[in-house]
Amino acid sequence: MPPRVEGLYAVTPDGLDDARLFALAGAALAGGAQTLQYRDKSGDAERRLRQAAELRRLCRAHGALFIVNDDVELAERVGADGVHLGRDDGDIAVARVRLGADAVVGASCYDRIALARAALAAGASYVAFGAVFPSRTKPQAVAAPLSLFAEAAALGANAVAIGGIAPDNAAQVVEAGADAVAVVGGIFEAADAAAAARALAGLFTAR
């Protein structure tokens, strides 16, 4: 059975060089991130393999889950804990078969509980809703109401919130019932990434 995704879920931004990426990812993990997702849209296969392998190593050192965005083949190649798939990024059922019963397979469900039901039926182990707040990473993303997390709980779903989440607004999402908060800029653009991660992770400890 796949592990649950809970607490702080750090998501790397595009375009960071190795040194900056690894330093910030390490700070997020040291600050309490329980899951790290590698997201890179560069199309540079060599770079993606190199960075994913090192991030997997960092996650192992911190006891965190390592998830690859969109790329089942890369996840399999580096021994990631799983993959996250958007609407157009591949078939959930195929990813489940390829990565195995114990892999984490996440699915973007945007603002629609119907997509969550379908994803769970296809074999997703968690569903993600967002953007819960306006997002600089995806400024055109649909707005997802916080009421979705109560609906997801009624389905028994492991539910993740994403979109514009930062230390100053994350409490609203945690109180709404999200099992995890996926954060990009709120950590990787913070003046102190480790401190931002500690603040976000602490919301779950308090709950």
N, C-alpha and C. Protein backbone atom coordinates (compact mmCIF):
# COMPACT_ATOMS: atom_id res chain seq x y z
N MET A 1 0.84 -1.20 0.00
CA MET A 1 0.00 0.00 0.00
C MET A 1 0.88 1.25 0.00
N PRO A 2 0.58 2.24 -0.83
CA PRO A 2 1.40 3.45 -0.88
C PRO A 2 1.33 4.22 0.44
N PRO A 3 2.41 4.89 0.82
CA PRO A 3 2.36 5.76 2.00
C PRO A 3 1.46 6.96 1.75
N ARG A 4 0.87 7.48 2.81
CA ARG A 4 0.06 8.69 2.68
C ARG A 4 0.97 9.91 2.53
N VAL A 5 0.50 10.86 1.77
CA VAL A 5 1.20 12.14 1.63
C VAL A 5 0.59 13.09 2.64
N GLU A 6 1.40 13.54 3.58
CA GLU A 6 0.90 14.37 4.68
C GLU A 6 1.90 15.49 4.99
N GLY A 7 1.37 16.55 5.59
CA GLY A 7 2.22 17.64 6.05
C GLY A 7 2.71 18.52 4.91
N LEU A 8 3.92 18.96 5.02
CA LEU A 8 4.49 19.88 4.03
C LEU A 8 5.03 19.11 2.82
N TYR A 9 4.59 19.53 1.64
CA TYR A 9 4.94 18.90 0.37
C TYR A 9 5.61 19.99 -0.46
N ALA A 10 6.92 19.97 -0.52
CA ALA A 10 7.68 21.00 -1.24
C ALA A 10 7.78 20.61 -2.71
N VAL A 11 7.58 21.59 -3.60
CA VAL A 11 7.63 21.37 -5.04
C VAL A 11 8.67 22.30 -5.64
N THR A 12 9.65 21.74 -6.33
CA THR A 12 10.74 22.56 -6.86
C THR A 12 10.26 23.40 -8.04
N PRO A 13 10.77 24.62 -8.16
CA PRO A 13 10.44 25.45 -9.33
C PRO A 13 11.34 25.11 -10.51
N ASP A 14 10.91 25.49 -11.70
CA ASP A 14 11.73 25.31 -12.89
C ASP A 14 12.95 26.22 -12.86
N GLY A 15 13.99 25.78 -13.55
CA GLY A 15 15.07 26.68 -13.93
C GLY A 15 16.18 26.91 -12.93
N LEU A 16 16.21 26.19 -11.81
CA LEU A 16 17.30 26.38 -10.85
C LEU A 16 18.52 25.56 -11.26
N ASP A 17 19.70 26.14 -11.11
CA ASP A 17 20.90 25.35 -11.37
C ASP A 17 21.10 24.34 -10.24
N ASP A 18 22.01 23.41 -10.45
CA ASP A 18 22.19 22.32 -9.49
C ASP A 18 22.44 22.82 -8.08
N ALA A 19 23.39 23.72 -7.94
CA ALA A 19 23.80 24.16 -6.60
C ALA A 19 22.63 24.80 -5.86
N ARG A 20 21.91 25.68 -6.53
CA ARG A 20 20.79 26.36 -5.87
C ARG A 20 19.64 25.39 -5.59
N LEU A 21 19.34 24.53 -6.55
CA LEU A 21 18.27 23.56 -6.36
C LEU A 21 18.55 22.67 -5.15
N PHE A 22 19.75 22.12 -5.10
CA PHE A 22 20.06 21.17 -4.02
C PHE A 22 20.13 21.87 -2.67
N ALA A 23 20.64 23.10 -2.64
CA ALA A 23 20.70 23.84 -1.38
C ALA A 23 19.30 24.14 -0.86
N LEU A 24 18.43 24.62 -1.74
CA LEU A 24 17.07 24.98 -1.31
C LEU A 24 16.24 23.74 -0.97
N ALA A 25 16.40 22.68 -1.75
CA ALA A 25 15.68 21.44 -1.44
C ALA A 25 16.15 20.90 -0.09
N GLY A 26 17.44 20.95 0.16
CA GLY A 26 17.96 20.50 1.44
C GLY A 26 17.42 21.32 2.59
N ALA A 27 17.30 22.63 2.38
CA ALA A 27 16.74 23.50 3.42
C ALA A 27 15.28 23.17 3.68
N ALA A 28 14.51 22.92 2.62
CA ALA A 28 13.10 22.57 2.78
C ALA A 28 12.95 21.27 3.56
N LEU A 29 13.78 20.30 3.23
CA LEU A 29 13.73 19.01 3.93
C LEU A 29 14.17 19.15 5.38
N ALA A 30 15.21 19.92 5.61
CA ALA A 30 15.67 20.15 6.98
C ALA A 30 14.61 20.88 7.80
N GLY A 31 13.82 21.73 7.12
CA GLY A 31 12.77 22.47 7.80
C GLY A 31 11.52 21.66 8.08
N GLY A 32 11.44 20.46 7.52
CA GLY A 32 10.31 19.59 7.86
C GLY A 32 9.44 19.12 6.72
N ALA A 33 9.85 19.36 5.46
CA ALA A 33 9.07 18.83 4.34
C ALA A 33 9.08 17.31 4.39
N GLN A 34 7.91 16.71 4.32
CA GLN A 34 7.79 15.26 4.36
C GLN A 34 7.76 14.64 2.97
N THR A 35 7.52 15.49 1.97
CA THR A 35 7.50 15.05 0.58
C THR A 35 8.16 16.15 -0.26
N LEU A 36 8.92 15.74 -1.27
CA LEU A 36 9.52 16.68 -2.21
C LEU A 36 9.19 16.21 -3.62
N GLN A 37 8.64 17.13 -4.41
CA GLN A 37 8.37 16.83 -5.81
C GLN A 37 9.35 17.57 -6.70
N TYR A 38 9.94 16.83 -7.64
CA TYR A 38 10.84 17.43 -8.62
C TYR A 38 10.03 17.80 -9.85
N ARG A 39 9.99 19.10 -10.12
CA ARG A 39 9.26 19.61 -11.28
C ARG A 39 10.22 20.40 -12.15
N ASP A 40 10.47 19.91 -13.35
CA ASP A 40 11.37 20.59 -14.28
C ASP A 40 10.86 20.35 -15.68
N LYS A 41 10.55 21.43 -16.38
CA LYS A 41 9.96 21.34 -17.72
C LYS A 41 10.98 21.64 -18.81
N SER A 42 12.27 21.56 -18.49
CA SER A 42 13.30 22.00 -19.43
C SER A 42 13.42 21.10 -20.66
N GLY A 43 13.08 19.83 -20.54
CA GLY A 43 13.27 18.92 -21.65
C GLY A 43 14.70 18.43 -21.78
N ASP A 44 15.58 18.84 -20.87
CA ASP A 44 16.98 18.42 -20.87
C ASP A 44 17.07 17.11 -20.10
N ALA A 45 17.11 15.98 -20.84
CA ALA A 45 17.06 14.67 -20.19
C ALA A 45 18.24 14.43 -19.25
N GLU A 46 19.42 14.85 -19.65
CA GLU A 46 20.60 14.63 -18.82
C GLU A 46 20.50 15.42 -17.51
N ARG A 47 20.09 16.66 -17.62
CA ARG A 47 19.92 17.51 -16.44
C ARG A 47 18.85 16.93 -15.51
N ARG A 48 17.74 16.51 -16.07
CA ARG A 48 16.65 16.00 -15.27
C ARG A 48 17.05 14.71 -14.54
N LEU A 49 17.78 13.85 -15.22
CA LEU A 49 18.23 12.62 -14.57
C LEU A 49 19.21 12.93 -13.45
N ARG A 50 20.14 13.82 -13.71
CA ARG A 50 21.14 14.18 -12.69
C ARG A 50 20.48 14.80 -11.47
N GLN A 51 19.60 15.76 -11.70
CA GLN A 51 18.97 16.45 -10.59
C GLN A 51 18.02 15.53 -9.82
N ALA A 52 17.27 14.71 -10.54
CA ALA A 52 16.33 13.81 -9.87
C ALA A 52 17.07 12.80 -8.99
N ALA A 53 18.18 12.28 -9.48
CA ALA A 53 18.95 11.30 -8.70
C ALA A 53 19.47 11.91 -7.41
N GLU A 54 19.96 13.14 -7.48
CA GLU A 54 20.48 13.78 -6.27
C GLU A 54 19.36 14.15 -5.31
N LEU A 55 18.23 14.61 -5.84
CA LEU A 55 17.11 14.93 -4.95
C LEU A 55 16.57 13.67 -4.28
N ARG A 56 16.56 12.57 -4.98
CA ARG A 56 16.15 11.31 -4.37
C ARG A 56 17.09 10.98 -3.20
N ARG A 57 18.38 11.17 -3.41
CA ARG A 57 19.35 10.90 -2.34
C ARG A 57 19.09 11.80 -1.13
N LEU A 58 18.83 13.07 -1.37
CA LEU A 58 18.55 14.00 -0.27
C LEU A 58 17.29 13.58 0.49
N CYS A 59 16.27 13.19 -0.25
CA CYS A 59 15.03 12.75 0.41
C CYS A 59 15.27 11.52 1.27
N ARG A 60 16.04 10.57 0.77
CA ARG A 60 16.34 9.39 1.57
C ARG A 60 17.07 9.79 2.85
N ALA A 61 17.99 10.72 2.74
CA ALA A 61 18.76 11.14 3.92
C ALA A 61 17.88 11.79 4.97
N HIS A 62 16.78 12.41 4.55
CA HIS A 62 15.88 13.11 5.47
C HIS A 62 14.62 12.30 5.78
N GLY A 63 14.51 11.10 5.25
CA GLY A 63 13.33 10.28 5.51
C GLY A 63 12.06 10.81 4.87
N ALA A 64 12.21 11.49 3.73
CA ALA A 64 11.06 12.09 3.04
C ALA A 64 10.74 11.32 1.77
N LEU A 65 9.51 11.46 1.31
CA LEU A 65 9.10 10.87 0.03
C LEU A 65 9.63 11.73 -1.12
N PHE A 66 10.00 11.07 -2.22
CA PHE A 66 10.45 11.78 -3.42
C PHE A 66 9.52 11.44 -4.58
N ILE A 67 8.92 12.48 -5.15
CA ILE A 67 7.95 12.35 -6.23
C ILE A 67 8.47 13.10 -7.46
N VAL A 68 8.29 12.50 -8.62
CA VAL A 68 8.65 13.15 -9.89
C VAL A 68 7.38 13.65 -10.56
N ASN A 69 7.42 14.87 -11.04
CA ASN A 69 6.28 15.46 -11.74
C ASN A 69 6.24 14.97 -13.18
N ASP A 70 5.11 14.41 -13.56
CA ASP A 70 4.75 14.15 -14.97
C ASP A 70 5.49 13.00 -15.67
N ASP A 71 6.59 12.50 -15.14
CA ASP A 71 7.46 11.62 -15.92
C ASP A 71 7.60 10.26 -15.24
N VAL A 72 6.78 9.30 -15.66
CA VAL A 72 6.81 7.97 -15.05
C VAL A 72 8.15 7.28 -15.31
N GLU A 73 8.68 7.45 -16.52
CA GLU A 73 9.95 6.81 -16.86
C GLU A 73 11.07 7.32 -15.96
N LEU A 74 11.14 8.62 -15.74
CA LEU A 74 12.19 9.17 -14.87
C LEU A 74 11.99 8.70 -13.44
N ALA A 75 10.76 8.69 -12.98
CA ALA A 75 10.50 8.20 -11.62
C ALA A 75 10.98 6.78 -11.44
N GLU A 76 10.70 5.95 -12.43
CA GLU A 76 11.14 4.55 -12.38
C GLU A 76 12.66 4.45 -12.42
N ARG A 77 13.27 5.26 -13.26
CA ARG A 77 14.71 5.17 -13.47
C ARG A 77 15.52 5.54 -12.23
N VAL A 78 15.06 6.54 -11.48
CA VAL A 78 15.83 6.97 -10.31
C VAL A 78 15.34 6.33 -9.02
N GLY A 79 14.33 5.47 -9.11
CA GLY A 79 13.82 4.84 -7.90
C GLY A 79 13.04 5.78 -7.01
N ALA A 80 12.28 6.69 -7.63
CA ALA A 80 11.46 7.63 -6.86
C ALA A 80 10.35 6.87 -6.14
N ASP A 81 9.78 7.52 -5.13
CA ASP A 81 8.65 6.91 -4.42
C ASP A 81 7.37 6.96 -5.23
N GLY A 82 7.34 7.82 -6.24
CA GLY A 82 6.14 7.89 -7.06
C GLY A 82 6.19 9.02 -8.06
N VAL A 83 5.02 9.32 -8.60
CA VAL A 83 4.88 10.30 -9.67
C VAL A 83 3.62 11.11 -9.45
N HIS A 84 3.63 12.34 -9.94
CA HIS A 84 2.42 13.17 -9.93
C HIS A 84 2.04 13.47 -11.37
N LEU A 85 0.76 13.26 -11.69
CA LEU A 85 0.29 13.43 -13.05
C LEU A 85 -0.80 14.48 -13.15
N GLY A 86 -0.65 15.39 -14.09
CA GLY A 86 -1.70 16.34 -14.42
C GLY A 86 -2.66 15.73 -15.43
N ARG A 87 -3.63 16.52 -15.84
CA ARG A 87 -4.69 16.02 -16.73
C ARG A 87 -4.14 15.45 -18.02
N ASP A 88 -3.08 16.04 -18.56
CA ASP A 88 -2.55 15.64 -19.86
C ASP A 88 -1.18 14.97 -19.76
N ASP A 89 -0.85 14.44 -18.59
CA ASP A 89 0.51 13.95 -18.37
C ASP A 89 0.66 12.44 -18.38
N GLY A 90 -0.39 11.72 -18.69
CA GLY A 90 -0.28 10.27 -18.72
C GLY A 90 -1.43 9.62 -17.98
N ASP A 91 -1.51 8.33 -18.14
CA ASP A 91 -2.62 7.55 -17.61
C ASP A 91 -2.31 7.05 -16.20
N ILE A 92 -3.20 7.32 -15.27
CA ILE A 92 -2.98 6.93 -13.88
C ILE A 92 -2.87 5.41 -13.75
N ALA A 93 -3.75 4.70 -14.41
CA ALA A 93 -3.74 3.24 -14.30
C ALA A 93 -2.44 2.65 -14.86
N VAL A 94 -1.94 3.20 -15.94
CA VAL A 94 -0.68 2.74 -16.52
C VAL A 94 0.47 3.02 -15.55
N ALA A 95 0.48 4.21 -14.96
CA ALA A 95 1.53 4.55 -13.99
C ALA A 95 1.49 3.60 -12.80
N ARG A 96 0.29 3.28 -12.34
CA ARG A 96 0.15 2.36 -11.21
C ARG A 96 0.74 0.99 -11.54
N VAL A 97 0.43 0.47 -12.72
CA VAL A 97 0.95 -0.83 -13.12
C VAL A 97 2.47 -0.77 -13.25
N ARG A 98 2.96 0.29 -13.86
CA ARG A 98 4.41 0.38 -14.12
C ARG A 98 5.21 0.56 -12.84
N LEU A 99 4.73 1.37 -11.91
CA LEU A 99 5.50 1.68 -10.71
C LEU A 99 5.20 0.73 -9.55
N GLY A 100 4.08 0.03 -9.62
CA GLY A 100 3.80 -0.97 -8.60
C GLY A 100 2.79 -0.52 -7.56
N ALA A 101 2.32 -1.50 -6.81
CA ALA A 101 1.24 -1.26 -5.85
C ALA A 101 1.64 -0.33 -4.71
N ASP A 102 2.93 -0.27 -4.39
CA ASP A 102 3.37 0.53 -3.26
C ASP A 102 3.79 1.95 -3.65
N ALA A 103 3.74 2.27 -4.94
CA ALA A 103 4.16 3.60 -5.39
C ALA A 103 3.10 4.64 -5.07
N VAL A 104 3.56 5.85 -4.84
CA VAL A 104 2.66 7.00 -4.70
C VAL A 104 2.33 7.50 -6.10
N VAL A 105 1.05 7.56 -6.41
CA VAL A 105 0.61 8.12 -7.69
C VAL A 105 -0.38 9.23 -7.39
N GLY A 106 0.04 10.46 -7.64
CA GLY A 106 -0.80 11.62 -7.37
C GLY A 106 -1.46 12.13 -8.64
N ALA A 107 -2.61 12.77 -8.47
CA ALA A 107 -3.35 13.27 -9.63
C ALA A 107 -3.86 14.67 -9.37
N SER A 108 -3.63 15.57 -10.31
CA SER A 108 -4.19 16.91 -10.25
C SER A 108 -5.68 16.83 -10.57
N CYS A 109 -6.50 17.38 -9.69
CA CYS A 109 -7.96 17.35 -9.88
C CYS A 109 -8.56 18.76 -9.94
N TYR A 110 -7.69 19.76 -9.91
CA TYR A 110 -8.08 21.15 -10.14
C TYR A 110 -9.19 21.59 -9.19
N ASP A 111 -10.38 21.88 -9.70
CA ASP A 111 -11.48 22.34 -8.85
C ASP A 111 -12.66 21.38 -8.90
N ARG A 112 -12.40 20.10 -9.23
CA ARG A 112 -13.51 19.18 -9.52
C ARG A 112 -13.42 17.90 -8.70
N ILE A 113 -14.39 17.68 -7.85
CA ILE A 113 -14.44 16.46 -7.06
C ILE A 113 -14.68 15.24 -7.97
N ALA A 114 -15.34 15.44 -9.10
CA ALA A 114 -15.57 14.33 -10.03
C ALA A 114 -14.25 13.78 -10.57
N LEU A 115 -13.28 14.67 -10.81
CA LEU A 115 -11.97 14.21 -11.26
C LEU A 115 -11.28 13.41 -10.17
N ALA A 116 -11.50 13.79 -8.92
CA ALA A 116 -10.91 13.04 -7.81
C ALA A 116 -11.50 11.63 -7.74
N ARG A 117 -12.80 11.52 -7.89
CA ARG A 117 -13.43 10.19 -7.89
C ARG A 117 -12.84 9.32 -9.00
N ALA A 118 -12.71 9.88 -10.19
CA ALA A 118 -12.18 9.13 -11.32
C ALA A 118 -10.73 8.74 -11.10
N ALA A 119 -9.95 9.66 -10.54
CA ALA A 119 -8.53 9.38 -10.28
C ALA A 119 -8.37 8.26 -9.27
N LEU A 120 -9.15 8.30 -8.21
CA LEU A 120 -9.08 7.25 -7.20
C LEU A 120 -9.48 5.90 -7.78
N ALA A 121 -10.49 5.91 -8.62
CA ALA A 121 -10.93 4.67 -9.25
C ALA A 121 -9.86 4.09 -10.17
N ALA A 122 -9.06 4.97 -10.77
CA ALA A 122 -8.00 4.54 -11.69
C ALA A 122 -6.74 4.09 -10.97
N GLY A 123 -6.66 4.35 -9.66
CA GLY A 123 -5.50 3.90 -8.91
C GLY A 123 -4.66 4.98 -8.28
N ALA A 124 -5.12 6.23 -8.30
CA ALA A 124 -4.36 7.30 -7.64
C ALA A 124 -4.35 7.08 -6.13
N SER A 125 -3.23 7.41 -5.51
CA SER A 125 -3.14 7.28 -4.05
C SER A 125 -3.37 8.61 -3.35
N TYR A 126 -3.26 9.73 -4.06
CA TYR A 126 -3.69 11.02 -3.52
C TYR A 126 -4.22 11.88 -4.65
N VAL A 127 -5.05 12.84 -4.26
CA VAL A 127 -5.60 13.80 -5.22
C VAL A 127 -5.22 15.20 -4.77
N ALA A 128 -4.96 16.06 -5.75
CA ALA A 128 -4.54 17.43 -5.46
C ALA A 128 -5.54 18.42 -6.04
N PHE A 129 -5.92 19.39 -5.23
CA PHE A 129 -6.85 20.44 -5.65
C PHE A 129 -6.13 21.79 -5.63
N GLY A 130 -6.41 22.60 -6.63
CA GLY A 130 -5.82 23.93 -6.67
C GLY A 130 -6.01 24.56 -8.04
N ALA A 131 -5.83 25.87 -8.05
CA ALA A 131 -5.13 26.67 -7.07
C ALA A 131 -6.09 27.15 -5.96
N VAL A 132 -5.68 26.90 -4.70
CA VAL A 132 -6.51 27.34 -3.59
C VAL A 132 -6.37 28.84 -3.34
N PHE A 133 -5.24 29.41 -3.74
CA PHE A 133 -5.01 30.86 -3.72
C PHE A 133 -4.38 31.24 -5.06
N PRO A 134 -4.40 32.51 -5.44
CA PRO A 134 -3.74 32.92 -6.68
C PRO A 134 -2.27 32.48 -6.68
N SER A 135 -1.83 31.92 -7.80
CA SER A 135 -0.52 31.31 -7.88
C SER A 135 0.37 32.03 -8.88
N ARG A 136 1.58 32.37 -8.46
CA ARG A 136 2.55 32.95 -9.40
C ARG A 136 3.11 31.88 -10.32
N THR A 137 3.19 30.64 -9.84
CA THR A 137 3.72 29.55 -10.66
C THR A 137 2.79 29.25 -11.82
N LYS A 138 1.47 29.24 -11.56
CA LYS A 138 0.46 28.99 -12.60
C LYS A 138 -0.63 30.06 -12.49
N PRO A 139 -0.35 31.26 -13.00
CA PRO A 139 -1.31 32.36 -12.82
C PRO A 139 -2.66 32.13 -13.49
N GLN A 140 -2.73 31.24 -14.47
CA GLN A 140 -4.00 30.97 -15.17
C GLN A 140 -4.78 29.81 -14.56
N ALA A 141 -4.27 29.25 -13.45
CA ALA A 141 -4.93 28.09 -12.85
C ALA A 141 -6.32 28.44 -12.35
N VAL A 142 -7.23 27.47 -12.45
CA VAL A 142 -8.58 27.68 -11.93
C VAL A 142 -8.54 27.79 -10.41
N ALA A 143 -9.52 28.50 -9.85
CA ALA A 143 -9.61 28.64 -8.40
C ALA A 143 -10.36 27.45 -7.82
N ALA A 144 -9.78 26.85 -6.80
CA ALA A 144 -10.38 25.67 -6.16
C ALA A 144 -10.87 26.04 -4.77
N PRO A 145 -12.17 25.86 -4.47
CA PRO A 145 -12.69 26.22 -3.16
C PRO A 145 -12.19 25.26 -2.07
N LEU A 146 -12.02 25.80 -0.87
CA LEU A 146 -11.54 24.98 0.24
C LEU A 146 -12.56 23.92 0.66
N SER A 147 -13.81 24.09 0.26
CA SER A 147 -14.83 23.09 0.58
C SER A 147 -14.53 21.73 -0.05
N LEU A 148 -13.66 21.69 -1.07
CA LEU A 148 -13.31 20.43 -1.71
C LEU A 148 -12.67 19.45 -0.74
N PHE A 149 -12.01 19.96 0.29
CA PHE A 149 -11.28 19.05 1.18
C PHE A 149 -12.23 18.26 2.08
N ALA A 150 -13.34 18.85 2.46
CA ALA A 150 -14.36 18.10 3.19
C ALA A 150 -15.00 17.06 2.27
N GLU A 151 -15.21 17.41 1.01
CA GLU A 151 -15.77 16.46 0.05
C GLU A 151 -14.81 15.30 -0.18
N ALA A 152 -13.52 15.62 -0.27
CA ALA A 152 -12.51 14.57 -0.46
C ALA A 152 -12.44 13.65 0.75
N ALA A 153 -12.56 14.22 1.94
CA ALA A 153 -12.53 13.40 3.15
C ALA A 153 -13.69 12.42 3.17
N ALA A 154 -14.83 12.85 2.66
CA ALA A 154 -16.00 11.96 2.60
C ALA A 154 -15.76 10.79 1.67
N LEU A 155 -14.86 10.97 0.70
CA LEU A 155 -14.48 9.87 -0.20
C LEU A 155 -13.40 8.99 0.39
N GLY A 156 -12.83 9.42 1.51
CA GLY A 156 -11.69 8.71 2.10
C GLY A 156 -10.39 9.00 1.38
N ALA A 157 -10.34 10.12 0.65
CA ALA A 157 -9.18 10.44 -0.17
C ALA A 157 -8.08 11.12 0.64
N ASN A 158 -6.85 10.81 0.28
CA ASN A 158 -5.68 11.56 0.74
C ASN A 158 -5.59 12.80 -0.16
N ALA A 159 -5.83 13.98 0.43
CA ALA A 159 -6.01 15.19 -0.38
C ALA A 159 -4.92 16.23 -0.11
N VAL A 160 -4.38 16.76 -1.19
CA VAL A 160 -3.30 17.75 -1.16
C VAL A 160 -3.79 19.06 -1.75
N ALA A 161 -3.44 20.17 -1.11
CA ALA A 161 -3.77 21.50 -1.62
C ALA A 161 -2.55 22.11 -2.28
N ILE A 162 -2.78 22.84 -3.36
CA ILE A 162 -1.68 23.52 -4.04
C ILE A 162 -2.18 24.85 -4.59
N GLY A 163 -1.24 25.80 -4.74
CA GLY A 163 -1.57 27.06 -5.38
C GLY A 163 -1.50 28.25 -4.45
N GLY A 164 -0.41 29.01 -4.53
CA GLY A 164 -0.30 30.25 -3.78
C GLY A 164 -0.17 30.09 -2.28
N ILE A 165 0.19 28.89 -1.82
CA ILE A 165 0.25 28.64 -0.37
C ILE A 165 1.57 29.13 0.19
N ALA A 166 1.49 29.85 1.31
CA ALA A 166 2.67 30.41 1.98
C ALA A 166 2.41 30.37 3.49
N PRO A 167 3.43 30.64 4.30
CA PRO A 167 3.24 30.58 5.76
C PRO A 167 2.11 31.46 6.27
N ASP A 168 1.80 32.55 5.57
CA ASP A 168 0.78 33.47 6.09
C ASP A 168 -0.66 33.11 5.73
N ASN A 169 -0.85 32.10 4.86
CA ASN A 169 -2.23 31.72 4.53
C ASN A 169 -2.49 30.21 4.65
N ALA A 170 -1.47 29.43 4.91
CA ALA A 170 -1.61 27.98 4.90
C ALA A 170 -2.54 27.45 5.98
N ALA A 171 -2.66 28.18 7.09
CA ALA A 171 -3.51 27.70 8.18
C ALA A 171 -4.95 27.50 7.71
N GLN A 172 -5.41 28.36 6.81
CA GLN A 172 -6.78 28.22 6.30
C GLN A 172 -6.98 26.88 5.59
N VAL A 173 -5.96 26.45 4.88
CA VAL A 173 -6.04 25.21 4.12
C VAL A 173 -5.98 24.00 5.06
N VAL A 174 -5.11 24.08 6.04
CA VAL A 174 -5.00 23.00 7.02
C VAL A 174 -6.32 22.85 7.78
N GLU A 175 -6.90 23.99 8.18
CA GLU A 175 -8.17 23.96 8.91
C GLU A 175 -9.30 23.41 8.04
N ALA A 176 -9.21 23.60 6.73
CA ALA A 176 -10.24 23.09 5.82
C ALA A 176 -10.16 21.58 5.65
N GLY A 177 -9.05 20.98 6.10
CA GLY A 177 -8.95 19.53 6.07
C GLY A 177 -7.95 18.94 5.11
N ALA A 178 -7.12 19.76 4.46
CA ALA A 178 -6.11 19.21 3.56
C ALA A 178 -5.12 18.35 4.36
N ASP A 179 -4.76 17.21 3.80
CA ASP A 179 -3.78 16.35 4.45
C ASP A 179 -2.36 16.87 4.26
N ALA A 180 -2.15 17.60 3.18
CA ALA A 180 -0.83 18.14 2.87
C ALA A 180 -0.99 19.44 2.11
N VAL A 181 0.02 20.30 2.20
CA VAL A 181 0.05 21.53 1.41
C VAL A 181 1.28 21.49 0.51
N ALA A 182 1.04 21.61 -0.80
CA ALA A 182 2.12 21.63 -1.77
C ALA A 182 2.53 23.08 -2.01
N VAL A 183 3.81 23.36 -1.82
CA VAL A 183 4.28 24.75 -1.82
C VAL A 183 5.50 24.88 -2.73
N VAL A 184 5.45 25.89 -3.59
CA VAL A 184 6.57 26.19 -4.48
C VAL A 184 7.23 27.50 -3.99
N GLY A 185 6.67 28.63 -4.42
CA GLY A 185 7.27 29.93 -4.10
C GLY A 185 7.34 30.23 -2.62
N GLY A 186 6.36 29.74 -1.85
CA GLY A 186 6.34 30.00 -0.41
C GLY A 186 7.54 29.47 0.32
N ILE A 187 8.25 28.52 -0.31
CA ILE A 187 9.51 28.01 0.24
C ILE A 187 10.69 28.48 -0.61
N PHE A 188 10.63 28.19 -1.91
CA PHE A 188 11.81 28.38 -2.76
C PHE A 188 12.09 29.84 -3.10
N GLU A 189 11.11 30.72 -2.85
CA GLU A 189 11.36 32.15 -3.04
C GLU A 189 11.46 32.89 -1.71
N ALA A 190 11.39 32.17 -0.62
CA ALA A 190 11.45 32.80 0.70
C ALA A 190 12.88 33.25 1.01
N ALA A 191 12.99 34.27 1.84
CA ALA A 191 14.32 34.74 2.25
C ALA A 191 15.07 33.65 3.02
N ASP A 192 14.34 32.84 3.76
CA ASP A 192 14.93 31.74 4.52
C ASP A 192 14.06 30.51 4.27
N ALA A 193 14.48 29.65 3.35
CA ALA A 193 13.66 28.51 2.95
C ALA A 193 13.41 27.55 4.11
N ALA A 194 14.41 27.33 4.94
CA ALA A 194 14.26 26.41 6.07
C ALA A 194 13.25 26.95 7.07
N ALA A 195 13.31 28.25 7.34
CA ALA A 195 12.37 28.85 8.28
C ALA A 195 10.94 28.80 7.74
N ALA A 196 10.77 29.06 6.45
CA ALA A 196 9.45 28.97 5.85
C ALA A 196 8.91 27.55 5.94
N ALA A 197 9.78 26.57 5.68
CA ALA A 197 9.36 25.18 5.78
C ALA A 197 8.97 24.81 7.21
N ARG A 198 9.73 25.28 8.17
CA ARG A 198 9.40 24.99 9.58
C ARG A 198 8.04 25.56 9.96
N ALA A 199 7.77 26.79 9.50
CA ALA A 199 6.48 27.42 9.81
C ALA A 199 5.32 26.63 9.20
N LEU A 200 5.50 26.17 7.98
CA LEU A 200 4.44 25.43 7.30
C LEU A 200 4.27 24.04 7.92
N ALA A 201 5.36 23.36 8.17
CA ALA A 201 5.28 22.03 8.78
C ALA A 201 4.69 22.10 10.17
N GLY A 202 4.97 23.18 10.87
CA GLY A 202 4.47 23.33 12.23
C GLY A 202 2.96 23.42 12.32
N LEU A 203 2.31 23.84 11.25
CA LEU A 203 0.85 23.91 11.25
C LEU A 203 0.23 22.52 11.41
N PHE A 204 0.89 21.52 10.87
CA PHE A 204 0.39 20.15 10.97
C PHE A 204 0.70 19.55 12.34
N THR A 205 1.82 19.93 12.90
CA THR A 205 2.15 19.47 14.25
C THR A 205 1.12 19.99 15.24
N ALA A 206 0.75 21.25 15.06
CA ALA A 206 -0.25 21.87 15.95
C ALA A 206 -1.60 21.19 15.81
N ARG A 207 -1.96 20.80 14.56
CA ARG A 207 -3.24 20.14 14.33
C ARG A 207 -3.25 18.76 14.96
